[in-house]
Amino acid sequence: MTVAVTNDNNAPLIVPRAVRLKAGFKSGQQLEIKASGGVITIVPKLPPPDDEYSPEQRRSIDARLKLALEEVRRGHTAGPFNTADEMIASLKRELKKRGAKKPKLRSR
């Protein structure tokens, strides 16, 4: 979406409502405005990481990320897959390698 406005340095620059709606900005939402090289960028202001998770949650997440990174470094990855069927076939092969047993079907 492109909208032309006239810049008047004596009045505030107003972003048209249609543009704000197209960007998904909500009323009352905090925004970050950055200017660089003749370009103005407006993005939603994200909450600080400290407010998002408790220290206990952050430790748990960091520990899980550390384990995942170690797995990737060891080459324990799969994919990329072009289709869901390829991914399912890969999972089945992996289960077969591990000697996993099929779950027993329960009768009703």
PDB file of N, CA and C in Angstrom:
ATOM      1  N   MET A   1       0.848  -1.167   0.000  1.00  0.00           N
ATOM      2  CA  MET A   1       0.000   0.000   0.000  1.00  0.00           C
ATOM      3  C   MET A   1       0.894   1.231   0.000  1.00  0.00           C
ATOM      4  N   THR A   2       0.594   2.171  -0.877  1.00  0.00           N
ATOM      5  CA  THR A   2       1.340   3.414  -0.954  1.00  0.00           C
ATOM      6  C   THR A   2       0.371   4.581  -0.801  1.00  0.00           C
ATOM      7  N   VAL A   3       0.710   5.498   0.069  1.00  0.00           N
ATOM      8  CA  VAL A   3      -0.091   6.693   0.289  1.00  0.00           C
ATOM      9  C   VAL A   3       0.853   7.876   0.254  1.00  0.00           C
ATOM     10  N   ALA A   4       0.496   8.932  -0.477  1.00  0.00           N
ATOM     11  CA  ALA A   4       1.321  10.137  -0.549  1.00  0.00           C
ATOM     12  C   ALA A   4       0.775  11.174   0.429  1.00  0.00           C
ATOM     13  N   VAL A   5       1.663  11.782   1.204  1.00  0.00           N
ATOM     14  CA  VAL A   5       1.290  12.869   2.106  1.00  0.00           C
ATOM     15  C   VAL A   5       2.280  14.007   1.892  1.00  0.00           C
ATOM     16  N   THR A   6       1.872  15.212   2.251  1.00  0.00           N
ATOM     17  CA  THR A   6       2.750  16.370   2.121  1.00  0.00           C
ATOM     18  C   THR A   6       3.380  16.666   3.470  1.00  0.00           C
ATOM     19  N   ASN A   7       4.700  16.797   3.487  1.00  0.00           N
ATOM     20  CA  ASN A   7       5.414  17.076   4.730  1.00  0.00           C
ATOM     21  C   ASN A   7       5.390  18.574   4.993  1.00  0.00           C
ATOM     22  N   ASP A   8       4.925  18.931   6.178  1.00  0.00           N
ATOM     23  CA  ASP A   8       4.933  20.315   6.625  1.00  0.00           C
ATOM     24  C   ASP A   8       5.694  20.319   7.947  1.00  0.00           C
ATOM     25  N   ASN A   9       6.901  20.843   7.954  1.00  0.00           N
ATOM     26  CA  ASN A   9       7.739  20.787   9.149  1.00  0.00           C
ATOM     27  C   ASN A   9       7.149  21.528  10.346  1.00  0.00           C
ATOM     28  N   ASN A  10       6.086  22.311  10.129  1.00  0.00           N
ATOM     29  CA  ASN A  10       5.455  23.027  11.231  1.00  0.00           C
ATOM     30  C   ASN A  10       4.372  22.197  11.915  1.00  0.00           C
ATOM     31  N   ALA A  11       3.949  21.099  11.297  1.00  0.00           N
ATOM     32  CA  ALA A  11       2.889  20.256  11.866  1.00  0.00           C
ATOM     33  C   ALA A  11       3.416  18.830  11.990  1.00  0.00           C
ATOM     34  N   PRO A  12       2.839  18.060  12.903  1.00  0.00           N
ATOM     35  CA  PRO A  12       3.302  16.675  13.044  1.00  0.00           C
ATOM     36  C   PRO A  12       2.992  15.856  11.793  1.00  0.00           C
ATOM     37  N   LEU A  13       3.839  14.883  11.543  1.00  0.00           N
ATOM     38  CA  LEU A  13       3.618  13.959  10.433  1.00  0.00           C
ATOM     39  C   LEU A  13       2.628  12.917  10.908  1.00  0.00           C
ATOM     40  N   ILE A  14       1.533  12.746  10.199  1.00  0.00           N
ATOM     41  CA  ILE A  14       0.481  11.818  10.613  1.00  0.00           C
ATOM     42  C   ILE A  14       0.443  10.642   9.654  1.00  0.00           C
ATOM     43  N   VAL A  15       0.460   9.432  10.217  1.00  0.00           N
ATOM     44  CA  VAL A  15       0.353   8.221   9.418  1.00  0.00           C
ATOM     45  C   VAL A  15      -1.144   7.961   9.185  1.00  0.00           C
ATOM     46  N   PRO A  16      -1.569   7.887   7.930  1.00  0.00           N
ATOM     47  CA  PRO A  16      -2.987   7.695   7.651  1.00  0.00           C
ATOM     48  C   PRO A  16      -3.535   6.414   8.289  1.00  0.00           C
ATOM     49  N   ARG A  17      -4.816   6.488   8.676  1.00  0.00           N
ATOM     50  CA  ARG A  17      -5.484   5.374   9.350  1.00  0.00           C
ATOM     51  C   ARG A  17      -5.394   4.083   8.537  1.00  0.00           C
ATOM     52  N   ALA A  18      -5.609   4.167   7.231  1.00  0.00           N
ATOM     53  CA  ALA A  18      -5.579   2.973   6.378  1.00  0.00           C
ATOM     54  C   ALA A  18      -4.216   2.282   6.447  1.00  0.00           C
ATOM     55  N   VAL A  19      -3.151   3.084   6.520  1.00  0.00           N
ATOM     56  CA  VAL A  19      -1.800   2.521   6.596  1.00  0.00           C
ATOM     57  C   VAL A  19      -1.589   1.850   7.953  1.00  0.00           C
ATOM     58  N   ARG A  20      -2.059   2.508   9.032  1.00  0.00           N
ATOM     59  CA  ARG A  20      -1.924   1.899  10.369  1.00  0.00           C
ATOM     60  C   ARG A  20      -2.694   0.589  10.449  1.00  0.00           C
ATOM     61  N   LEU A  21      -3.889   0.556   9.881  1.00  0.00           N
ATOM     62  CA  LEU A  21      -4.678  -0.685   9.888  1.00  0.00           C
ATOM     63  C   LEU A  21      -3.992  -1.773   9.075  1.00  0.00           C
ATOM     64  N   LYS A  22      -3.468  -1.410   7.918  1.00  0.00           N
ATOM     65  CA  LYS A  22      -2.771  -2.380   7.057  1.00  0.00           C
ATOM     66  C   LYS A  22      -1.545  -2.955   7.778  1.00  0.00           C
ATOM     67  N   ALA A  23      -0.870  -2.123   8.577  1.00  0.00           N
ATOM     68  CA  ALA A  23       0.315  -2.569   9.320  1.00  0.00           C
ATOM     69  C   ALA A  23      -0.063  -3.402  10.544  1.00  0.00           C
ATOM     70  N   GLY A  24      -1.343  -3.347  10.936  1.00  0.00           N
ATOM     71  CA  GLY A  24      -1.764  -4.128  12.094  1.00  0.00           C
ATOM     72  C   GLY A  24      -1.548  -3.428  13.419  1.00  0.00           C
ATOM     73  N   PHE A  25      -1.278  -2.124  13.387  1.00  0.00           N
ATOM     74  CA  PHE A  25      -1.093  -1.379  14.625  1.00  0.00           C
ATOM     75  C   PHE A  25      -2.439  -1.211  15.329  1.00  0.00           C
ATOM     76  N   LYS A  26      -2.423  -1.373  16.647  1.00  0.00           N
ATOM     77  CA  LYS A  26      -3.638  -1.252  17.440  1.00  0.00           C
ATOM     78  C   LYS A  26      -3.598   0.043  18.242  1.00  0.00           C
ATOM     79  N   SER A  27      -4.763   0.540  18.558  1.00  0.00           N
ATOM     80  CA  SER A  27      -4.860   1.770  19.338  1.00  0.00           C
ATOM     81  C   SER A  27      -4.203   1.570  20.703  1.00  0.00           C
ATOM     82  N   GLY A  28      -3.388   2.512  21.114  1.00  0.00           N
ATOM     83  CA  GLY A  28      -2.716   2.438  22.408  1.00  0.00           C
ATOM     84  C   GLY A  28      -1.424   1.639  22.397  1.00  0.00           C
ATOM     85  N   GLN A  29      -1.115   0.970  21.289  1.00  0.00           N
ATOM     86  CA  GLN A  29       0.097   0.157  21.187  1.00  0.00           C
ATOM     87  C   GLN A  29       1.319   1.068  21.119  1.00  0.00           C
ATOM     88  N   GLN A  30       2.387   0.691  21.832  1.00  0.00           N
ATOM     89  CA  GLN A  30       3.630   1.460  21.771  1.00  0.00           C
ATOM     90  C   GLN A  30       4.383   1.106  20.495  1.00  0.00           C
ATOM     91  N   LEU A  31       4.961   2.128  19.869  1.00  0.00           N
ATOM     92  CA  LEU A  31       5.688   1.940  18.614  1.00  0.00           C
ATOM     93  C   LEU A  31       7.096   2.507  18.743  1.00  0.00           C
ATOM     94  N   GLU A  32       8.037   1.892  18.027  1.00  0.00           N
ATOM     95  CA  GLU A  32       9.399   2.415  17.931  1.00  0.00           C
ATOM     96  C   GLU A  32       9.539   3.069  16.572  1.00  0.00           C
ATOM     97  N   ILE A  33      10.066   4.281  16.553  1.00  0.00           N
ATOM     98  CA  ILE A  33      10.265   5.005  15.301  1.00  0.00           C
ATOM     99  C   ILE A  33      11.760   5.228  15.134  1.00  0.00           C
ATOM    100  N   LYS A  34      12.304   4.748  14.014  1.00  0.00           N
ATOM    101  CA  LYS A  34      13.738   4.885  13.739  1.00  0.00           C
ATOM    102  C   LYS A  34      13.903   5.607  12.410  1.00  0.00           C
ATOM    103  N   ALA A  35      14.912   6.461  12.321  1.00  0.00           N
ATOM    104  CA  ALA A  35      15.208   7.168  11.082  1.00  0.00           C
ATOM    105  C   ALA A  35      16.661   6.919  10.712  1.00  0.00           C
ATOM    106  N   SER A  36      16.881   6.579   9.431  1.00  0.00           N
ATOM    107  CA  SER A  36      18.239   6.331   8.967  1.00  0.00           C
ATOM    108  C   SER A  36      18.274   6.482   7.450  1.00  0.00           C
ATOM    109  N   GLY A  37      19.172   7.309   6.975  1.00  0.00           N
ATOM    110  CA  GLY A  37      19.358   7.437   5.529  1.00  0.00           C
ATOM    111  C   GLY A  37      18.107   7.827   4.766  1.00  0.00           C
ATOM    112  N   GLY A  38      17.304   8.710   5.316  1.00  0.00           N
ATOM    113  CA  GLY A  38      16.110   9.161   4.617  1.00  0.00           C
ATOM    114  C   GLY A  38      14.938   8.200   4.694  1.00  0.00           C
ATOM    115  N   VAL A  39      15.067   7.153   5.517  1.00  0.00           N
ATOM    116  CA  VAL A  39      14.002   6.168   5.669  1.00  0.00           C
ATOM    117  C   VAL A  39      13.526   6.179   7.112  1.00  0.00           C
ATOM    118  N   ILE A  40      12.211   6.226   7.290  1.00  0.00           N
ATOM    119  CA  ILE A  40      11.621   6.150   8.622  1.00  0.00           C
ATOM    120  C   ILE A  40      10.982   4.777   8.766  1.00  0.00           C
ATOM    121  N   THR A  41      11.338   4.066   9.825  1.00  0.00           N
ATOM    122  CA  THR A  41      10.804   2.741  10.093  1.00  0.00           C
ATOM    123  C   THR A  41       9.995   2.793  11.387  1.00  0.00           C
ATOM    124  N   ILE A  42       8.772   2.278  11.334  1.00  0.00           N
ATOM    125  CA  ILE A  42       7.913   2.235  12.510  1.00  0.00           C
ATOM    126  C   ILE A  42       7.582   0.770  12.773  1.00  0.00           C
ATOM    127  N   VAL A  43       7.953   0.288  13.966  1.00  0.00           N
ATOM    128  CA  VAL A  43       7.683  -1.107  14.323  1.00  0.00           C
ATOM    129  C   VAL A  43       7.086  -1.162  15.729  1.00  0.00           C
ATOM    130  N   PRO A  44       6.282  -2.204  16.021  1.00  0.00           N
ATOM    131  CA  PRO A  44       5.745  -2.328  17.375  1.00  0.00           C
ATOM    132  C   PRO A  44       6.871  -2.485  18.374  1.00  0.00           C
ATOM    133  N   LYS A  45       6.749  -1.848  19.509  1.00  0.00           N
ATOM    134  CA  LYS A  45       7.752  -1.980  20.565  1.00  0.00           C
ATOM    135  C   LYS A  45       7.480  -3.286  21.307  1.00  0.00           C
ATOM    136  N   LEU A  46       8.488  -4.130  21.364  1.00  0.00           N
ATOM    137  CA  LEU A  46       8.351  -5.421  22.023  1.00  0.00           C
ATOM    138  C   LEU A  46       8.598  -5.270  23.518  1.00  0.00           C
ATOM    139  N   PRO A  47       7.928  -6.088  24.326  1.00  0.00           N
ATOM    140  CA  PRO A  47       8.176  -6.005  25.769  1.00  0.00           C
ATOM    141  C   PRO A  47       9.585  -6.472  26.086  1.00  0.00           C
ATOM    142  N   PRO A  48      10.202  -5.930  27.141  1.00  0.00           N
ATOM    143  CA  PRO A  48      11.542  -6.395  27.505  1.00  0.00           C
ATOM    144  C   PRO A  48      11.501  -7.880  27.875  1.00  0.00           C
ATOM    145  N   PRO A  49      12.559  -8.632  27.555  1.00  0.00           N
ATOM    146  CA  PRO A  49      12.568 -10.059  27.840  1.00  0.00           C
ATOM    147  C   PRO A  49      12.311 -10.382  29.316  1.00  0.00           C
ATOM    148  N   ASP A  50      12.723  -9.493  30.229  1.00  0.00           N
ATOM    149  CA  ASP A  50      12.536  -9.765  31.649  1.00  0.00           C
ATOM    150  C   ASP A  50      11.058  -9.838  32.018  1.00  0.00           C
ATOM    151  N   ASP A  51      10.221  -9.077  31.318  1.00  0.00           N
ATOM    152  CA  ASP A  51       8.788  -9.075  31.620  1.00  0.00           C
ATOM    153  C   ASP A  51       8.079 -10.284  31.019  1.00  0.00           C
ATOM    154  N   GLU A  52       8.691 -10.918  30.028  1.00  0.00           N
ATOM    155  CA  GLU A  52       8.025 -11.985  29.299  1.00  0.00           C
ATOM    156  C   GLU A  52       8.044 -13.304  30.078  1.00  0.00           C
ATOM    157  N   TYR A  53       9.147 -13.634  30.724  1.00  0.00           N
ATOM    158  CA  TYR A  53       9.301 -14.900  31.439  1.00  0.00           C
ATOM    159  C   TYR A  53       9.838 -14.657  32.844  1.00  0.00           C
ATOM    160  N   SER A  54       9.479 -15.563  33.743  1.00  0.00           N
ATOM    161  CA  SER A  54      10.051 -15.501  35.087  1.00  0.00           C
ATOM    162  C   SER A  54      11.484 -16.025  35.018  1.00  0.00           C
ATOM    163  N   PRO A  55      12.318 -15.736  36.020  1.00  0.00           N
ATOM    164  CA  PRO A  55      13.697 -16.260  35.999  1.00  0.00           C
ATOM    165  C   PRO A  55      13.732 -17.791  35.894  1.00  0.00           C
ATOM    166  N   GLU A  56      12.794 -18.466  36.558  1.00  0.00           N
ATOM    167  CA  GLU A  56      12.752 -19.936  36.487  1.00  0.00           C
ATOM    168  C   GLU A  56      12.423 -20.403  35.067  1.00  0.00           C
ATOM    169  N   GLN A  57      11.459 -19.745  34.436  1.00  0.00           N
ATOM    170  CA  GLN A  57      11.112 -20.099  33.063  1.00  0.00           C
ATOM    171  C   GLN A  57      12.288 -19.834  32.128  1.00  0.00           C
ATOM    172  N   ARG A  58      12.967 -18.721  32.326  1.00  0.00           N
ATOM    173  CA  ARG A  58      14.104 -18.379  31.479  1.00  0.00           C
ATOM    174  C   ARG A  58      15.214 -19.415  31.612  1.00  0.00           C
ATOM    175  N   ARG A  59      15.504 -19.872  32.852  1.00  0.00           N
ATOM    176  CA  ARG A  59      16.540 -20.907  33.047  1.00  0.00           C
ATOM    177  C   ARG A  59      16.151 -22.192  32.321  1.00  0.00           C
ATOM    178  N   SER A  60      14.885 -22.576  32.412  1.00  0.00           N
ATOM    179  CA  SER A  60      14.405 -23.791  31.756  1.00  0.00           C
ATOM    180  C   SER A  60      14.531 -23.671  30.237  1.00  0.00           C
ATOM    181  N   ILE A  61      14.117 -22.534  29.701  1.00  0.00           N
ATOM    182  CA  ILE A  61      14.206 -22.319  28.255  1.00  0.00           C
ATOM    183  C   ILE A  61      15.656 -22.327  27.797  1.00  0.00           C
ATOM    184  N   ASP A  62      16.526 -21.627  28.519  1.00  0.00           N
ATOM    185  CA  ASP A  62      17.940 -21.585  28.146  1.00  0.00           C
ATOM    186  C   ASP A  62      18.571 -22.976  28.184  1.00  0.00           C
ATOM    187  N   ALA A  63      18.209 -23.792  29.182  1.00  0.00           N
ATOM    188  CA  ALA A  63      18.753 -25.150  29.281  1.00  0.00           C
ATOM    189  C   ALA A  63      18.297 -25.997  28.088  1.00  0.00           C
ATOM    190  N   ARG A  64      17.033 -25.873  27.717  1.00  0.00           N
ATOM    191  CA  ARG A  64      16.524 -26.644  26.580  1.00  0.00           C
ATOM    192  C   ARG A  64      17.158 -26.192  25.278  1.00  0.00           C
ATOM    193  N   LEU A  65      17.368 -24.881  25.128  1.00  0.00           N
ATOM    194  CA  LEU A  65      18.030 -24.372  23.928  1.00  0.00           C
ATOM    195  C   LEU A  65      19.475 -24.853  23.842  1.00  0.00           C
ATOM    196  N   LYS A  66      20.165 -24.926  24.993  1.00  0.00           N
ATOM    197  CA  LYS A  66      21.544 -25.408  25.025  1.00  0.00           C
ATOM    198  C   LYS A  66      21.607 -26.866  24.563  1.00  0.00           C
ATOM    199  N   LEU A  67      20.675 -27.690  25.067  1.00  0.00           N
ATOM    200  CA  LEU A  67      20.634 -29.097  24.644  1.00  0.00           C
ATOM    201  C   LEU A  67      20.347 -29.223  23.152  1.00  0.00           C
ATOM    202  N   ALA A  68      19.416 -28.421  22.658  1.00  0.00           N
ATOM    203  CA  ALA A  68      19.071 -28.470  21.238  1.00  0.00           C
ATOM    204  C   ALA A  68      20.264 -28.070  20.379  1.00  0.00           C
ATOM    205  N   LEU A  69      21.001 -27.042  20.802  1.00  0.00           N
ATOM    206  CA  LEU A  69      22.173 -26.606  20.046  1.00  0.00           C
ATOM    207  C   LEU A  69      23.236 -27.702  20.023  1.00  0.00           C
ATOM    208  N   GLU A  70      23.420 -28.403  21.142  1.00  0.00           N
ATOM    209  CA  GLU A  70      24.375 -29.516  21.172  1.00  0.00           C
ATOM    210  C   GLU A  70      23.958 -30.615  20.197  1.00  0.00           C
ATOM    211  N   GLU A  71      22.658 -30.901  20.123  1.00  0.00           N
ATOM    212  CA  GLU A  71      22.159 -31.910  19.180  1.00  0.00           C
ATOM    213  C   GLU A  71      22.468 -31.497  17.739  1.00  0.00           C
ATOM    214  N   VAL A  72      22.254 -30.238  17.415  1.00  0.00           N
ATOM    215  CA  VAL A  72      22.523 -29.745  16.061  1.00  0.00           C
ATOM    216  C   VAL A  72      24.010 -29.837  15.758  1.00  0.00           C
ATOM    217  N   ARG A  73      24.860 -29.480  16.727  1.00  0.00           N
ATOM    218  CA  ARG A  73      26.314 -29.547  16.513  1.00  0.00           C
ATOM    219  C   ARG A  73      26.783 -30.975  16.280  1.00  0.00           C
ATOM    220  N   ARG A  74      26.088 -31.943  16.900  1.00  0.00           N
ATOM    221  CA  ARG A  74      26.435 -33.361  16.694  1.00  0.00           C
ATOM    222  C   ARG A  74      25.874 -33.902  15.386  1.00  0.00           C
ATOM    223  N   GLY A  75      25.086 -33.075  14.682  1.00  0.00           N
ATOM    224  CA  GLY A  75      24.539 -33.514  13.404  1.00  0.00           C
ATOM    225  C   GLY A  75      23.241 -34.278  13.533  1.00  0.00           C
ATOM    226  N   HIS A  76      22.600 -34.209  14.676  1.00  0.00           N
ATOM    227  CA  HIS A  76      21.333 -34.911  14.873  1.00  0.00           C
ATOM    228  C   HIS A  76      20.178 -34.037  14.392  1.00  0.00           C
ATOM    229  N   THR A  77      20.077 -33.917  13.075  1.00  0.00           N
ATOM    230  CA  THR A  77      19.014 -33.116  12.486  1.00  0.00           C
ATOM    231  C   THR A  77      18.333 -33.917  11.390  1.00  0.00           C
ATOM    232  N   ALA A  78      17.202 -33.441  10.949  1.00  0.00           N
ATOM    233  CA  ALA A  78      16.476 -34.082   9.856  1.00  0.00           C
ATOM    234  C   ALA A  78      15.979 -33.001   8.916  1.00  0.00           C
ATOM    235  N   GLY A  79      15.722 -33.407   7.683  1.00  0.00           N
ATOM    236  CA  GLY A  79      15.136 -32.471   6.731  1.00  0.00           C
ATOM    237  C   GLY A  79      16.208 -31.674   6.016  1.00  0.00           C
ATOM    238  N   PRO A  80      15.813 -30.727   5.233  1.00  0.00           N
ATOM    239  CA  PRO A  80      14.457 -30.230   5.037  1.00  0.00           C
ATOM    240  C   PRO A  80      13.630 -31.205   4.211  1.00  0.00           C
ATOM    241  N   PHE A  81      12.347 -31.127   4.373  1.00  0.00           N
ATOM    242  CA  PHE A  81      11.413 -32.003   3.680  1.00  0.00           C
ATOM    243  C   PHE A  81      10.582 -31.182   2.712  1.00  0.00           C
ATOM    244  N   ASN A  82      10.279 -31.778   1.572  1.00  0.00           N
ATOM    245  CA  ASN A  82       9.446 -31.093   0.575  1.00  0.00           C
ATOM    246  C   ASN A  82       7.959 -31.311   0.825  1.00  0.00           C
ATOM    247  N   THR A  83       7.635 -32.424   1.488  1.00  0.00           N
ATOM    248  CA  THR A  83       6.222 -32.712   1.754  1.00  0.00           C
ATOM    249  C   THR A  83       6.074 -33.285   3.158  1.00  0.00           C
ATOM    250  N   ALA A  84       4.850 -33.283   3.646  1.00  0.00           N
ATOM    251  CA  ALA A  84       4.573 -33.885   4.945  1.00  0.00           C
ATOM    252  C   ALA A  84       4.827 -35.394   4.890  1.00  0.00           C
ATOM    253  N   ASP A  85       4.538 -36.013   3.747  1.00  0.00           N
ATOM    254  CA  ASP A  85       4.770 -37.454   3.607  1.00  0.00           C
ATOM    255  C   ASP A  85       6.257 -37.804   3.761  1.00  0.00           C
ATOM    256  N   GLU A  86       7.136 -36.956   3.223  1.00  0.00           N
ATOM    257  CA  GLU A  86       8.581 -37.183   3.394  1.00  0.00           C
ATOM    258  C   GLU A  86       8.955 -37.104   4.873  1.00  0.00           C
ATOM    259  N   MET A  87       8.395 -36.148   5.592  1.00  0.00           N
ATOM    260  CA  MET A  87       8.697 -35.991   7.006  1.00  0.00           C
ATOM    261  C   MET A  87       8.204 -37.210   7.793  1.00  0.00           C
ATOM    262  N   ILE A  88       6.990 -37.669   7.490  1.00  0.00           N
ATOM    263  CA  ILE A  88       6.429 -38.833   8.185  1.00  0.00           C
ATOM    264  C   ILE A  88       7.275 -40.069   7.919  1.00  0.00           C
ATOM    265  N   ALA A  89       7.695 -40.250   6.666  1.00  0.00           N
ATOM    266  CA  ALA A  89       8.547 -41.396   6.331  1.00  0.00           C
ATOM    267  C   ALA A  89       9.864 -41.329   7.100  1.00  0.00           C
ATOM    268  N   SER A  90      10.430 -40.129   7.237  1.00  0.00           N
ATOM    269  CA  SER A  90      11.670 -39.963   7.990  1.00  0.00           C
ATOM    270  C   SER A  90      11.466 -40.315   9.458  1.00  0.00           C
ATOM    271  N   LEU A  91      10.358 -39.866  10.036  1.00  0.00           N
ATOM    272  CA  LEU A  91      10.058 -40.191  11.436  1.00  0.00           C
ATOM    273  C   LEU A  91       9.900 -41.696  11.632  1.00  0.00           C
ATOM    274  N   LYS A  92       9.234 -42.341  10.700  1.00  0.00           N
ATOM    275  CA  LYS A  92       9.047 -43.801  10.805  1.00  0.00           C
ATOM    276  C   LYS A  92      10.386 -44.535  10.717  1.00  0.00           C
ATOM    277  N   ARG A  93      11.265 -44.069   9.813  1.00  0.00           N
ATOM    278  CA  ARG A  93      12.603 -44.689   9.713  1.00  0.00           C
ATOM    279  C   ARG A  93      13.371 -44.518  11.019  1.00  0.00           C
ATOM    280  N   GLU A  94      13.271 -43.320  11.609  1.00  0.00           N
ATOM    281  CA  GLU A  94      13.969 -43.043  12.867  1.00  0.00           C
ATOM    282  C   GLU A  94      13.441 -43.932  13.985  1.00  0.00           C
ATOM    283  N   LEU A  95      12.139 -44.101  14.049  1.00  0.00           N
ATOM    284  CA  LEU A  95      11.545 -44.981  15.062  1.00  0.00           C
ATOM    285  C   LEU A  95      12.002 -46.420  14.856  1.00  0.00           C
ATOM    286  N   LYS A  96      12.086 -46.830  13.607  1.00  0.00           N
ATOM    287  CA  LYS A  96      12.520 -48.198  13.303  1.00  0.00           C
ATOM    288  C   LYS A  96      13.971 -48.404  13.758  1.00  0.00           C
ATOM    289  N   LYS A  97      14.835 -47.380  13.521  1.00  0.00           N
ATOM    290  CA  LYS A  97      16.231 -47.468  13.954  1.00  0.00           C
ATOM    291  C   LYS A  97      16.334 -47.610  15.463  1.00  0.00           C
ATOM    292  N   ARG A  98      15.474 -46.915  16.171  1.00  0.00           N
ATOM    293  CA  ARG A  98      15.509 -46.940  17.633  1.00  0.00           C
ATOM    294  C   ARG A  98      14.825 -48.161  18.221  1.00  0.00           C
ATOM    295  N   GLY A  99      14.206 -48.928  17.367  1.00  0.00           N
ATOM    296  CA  GLY A  99      13.549 -50.136  17.850  1.00  0.00           C
ATOM    297  C   GLY A  99      12.260 -49.843  18.602  1.00  0.00           C
ATOM    298  N   ALA A 100      11.643 -48.756  18.264  1.00  0.00           N
ATOM    299  CA  ALA A 100      10.397 -48.384  18.938  1.00  0.00           C
ATOM    300  C   ALA A 100       9.286 -49.322  18.508  1.00  0.00           C
ATOM    301  N   LYS A 101       8.469 -49.690  19.461  1.00  0.00           N
ATOM    302  CA  LYS A 101       7.351 -50.564  19.172  1.00  0.00           C
ATOM    303  C   LYS A 101       6.131 -49.741  18.855  1.00  0.00           C
ATOM    304  N   LYS A 102       5.288 -50.287  17.981  1.00  0.00           N
ATOM    305  CA  LYS A 102       4.044 -49.613  17.634  1.00  0.00           C
ATOM    306  C   LYS A 102       3.118 -49.676  18.842  1.00  0.00           C
ATOM    307  N   PRO A 103       2.375 -48.621  19.088  1.00  0.00           N
ATOM    308  CA  PRO A 103       1.438 -48.659  20.211  1.00  0.00           C
ATOM    309  C   PRO A 103       0.312 -49.635  19.929  1.00  0.00           C
ATOM    310  N   LYS A 104      -0.118 -50.321  20.970  1.00  0.00           N
ATOM    311  CA  LYS A 104      -1.216 -51.270  20.818  1.00  0.00           C
ATOM    312  C   LYS A 104      -2.515 -50.503  20.707  1.00  0.00           C
ATOM    313  N   LEU A 105      -3.355 -50.937  19.769  1.00  0.00           N
ATOM    314  CA  LEU A 105      -4.643 -50.315  19.603  1.00  0.00           C
ATOM    315  C   LEU A 105      -5.589 -50.832  20.664  1.00  0.00           C
ATOM    316  N   ARG A 106      -6.319 -49.915  21.265  1.00  0.00           N
ATOM    317  CA  ARG A 106      -7.281 -50.309  22.299  1.00  0.00           C
ATOM    318  C   ARG A 106      -8.631 -50.524  21.654  1.00  0.00           C
ATOM    319  N   SER A 107      -9.323 -51.538  22.092  1.00  0.00           N
ATOM    320  CA  SER A 107     -10.660 -51.765  21.583  1.00  0.00           C
ATOM    321  C   SER A 107     -11.653 -50.984  22.437  1.00  0.00           C
ATOM    322  N   ARG A 108     -12.752 -50.659  21.849  1.00  0.00           N
ATOM    323  CA  ARG A 108     -13.752 -49.872  22.570  1.00  0.00           C
ATOM    324  C   ARG A 108     -14.781 -50.735  23.203  1.00  0.00           C
TER     325      ARG A 108
END
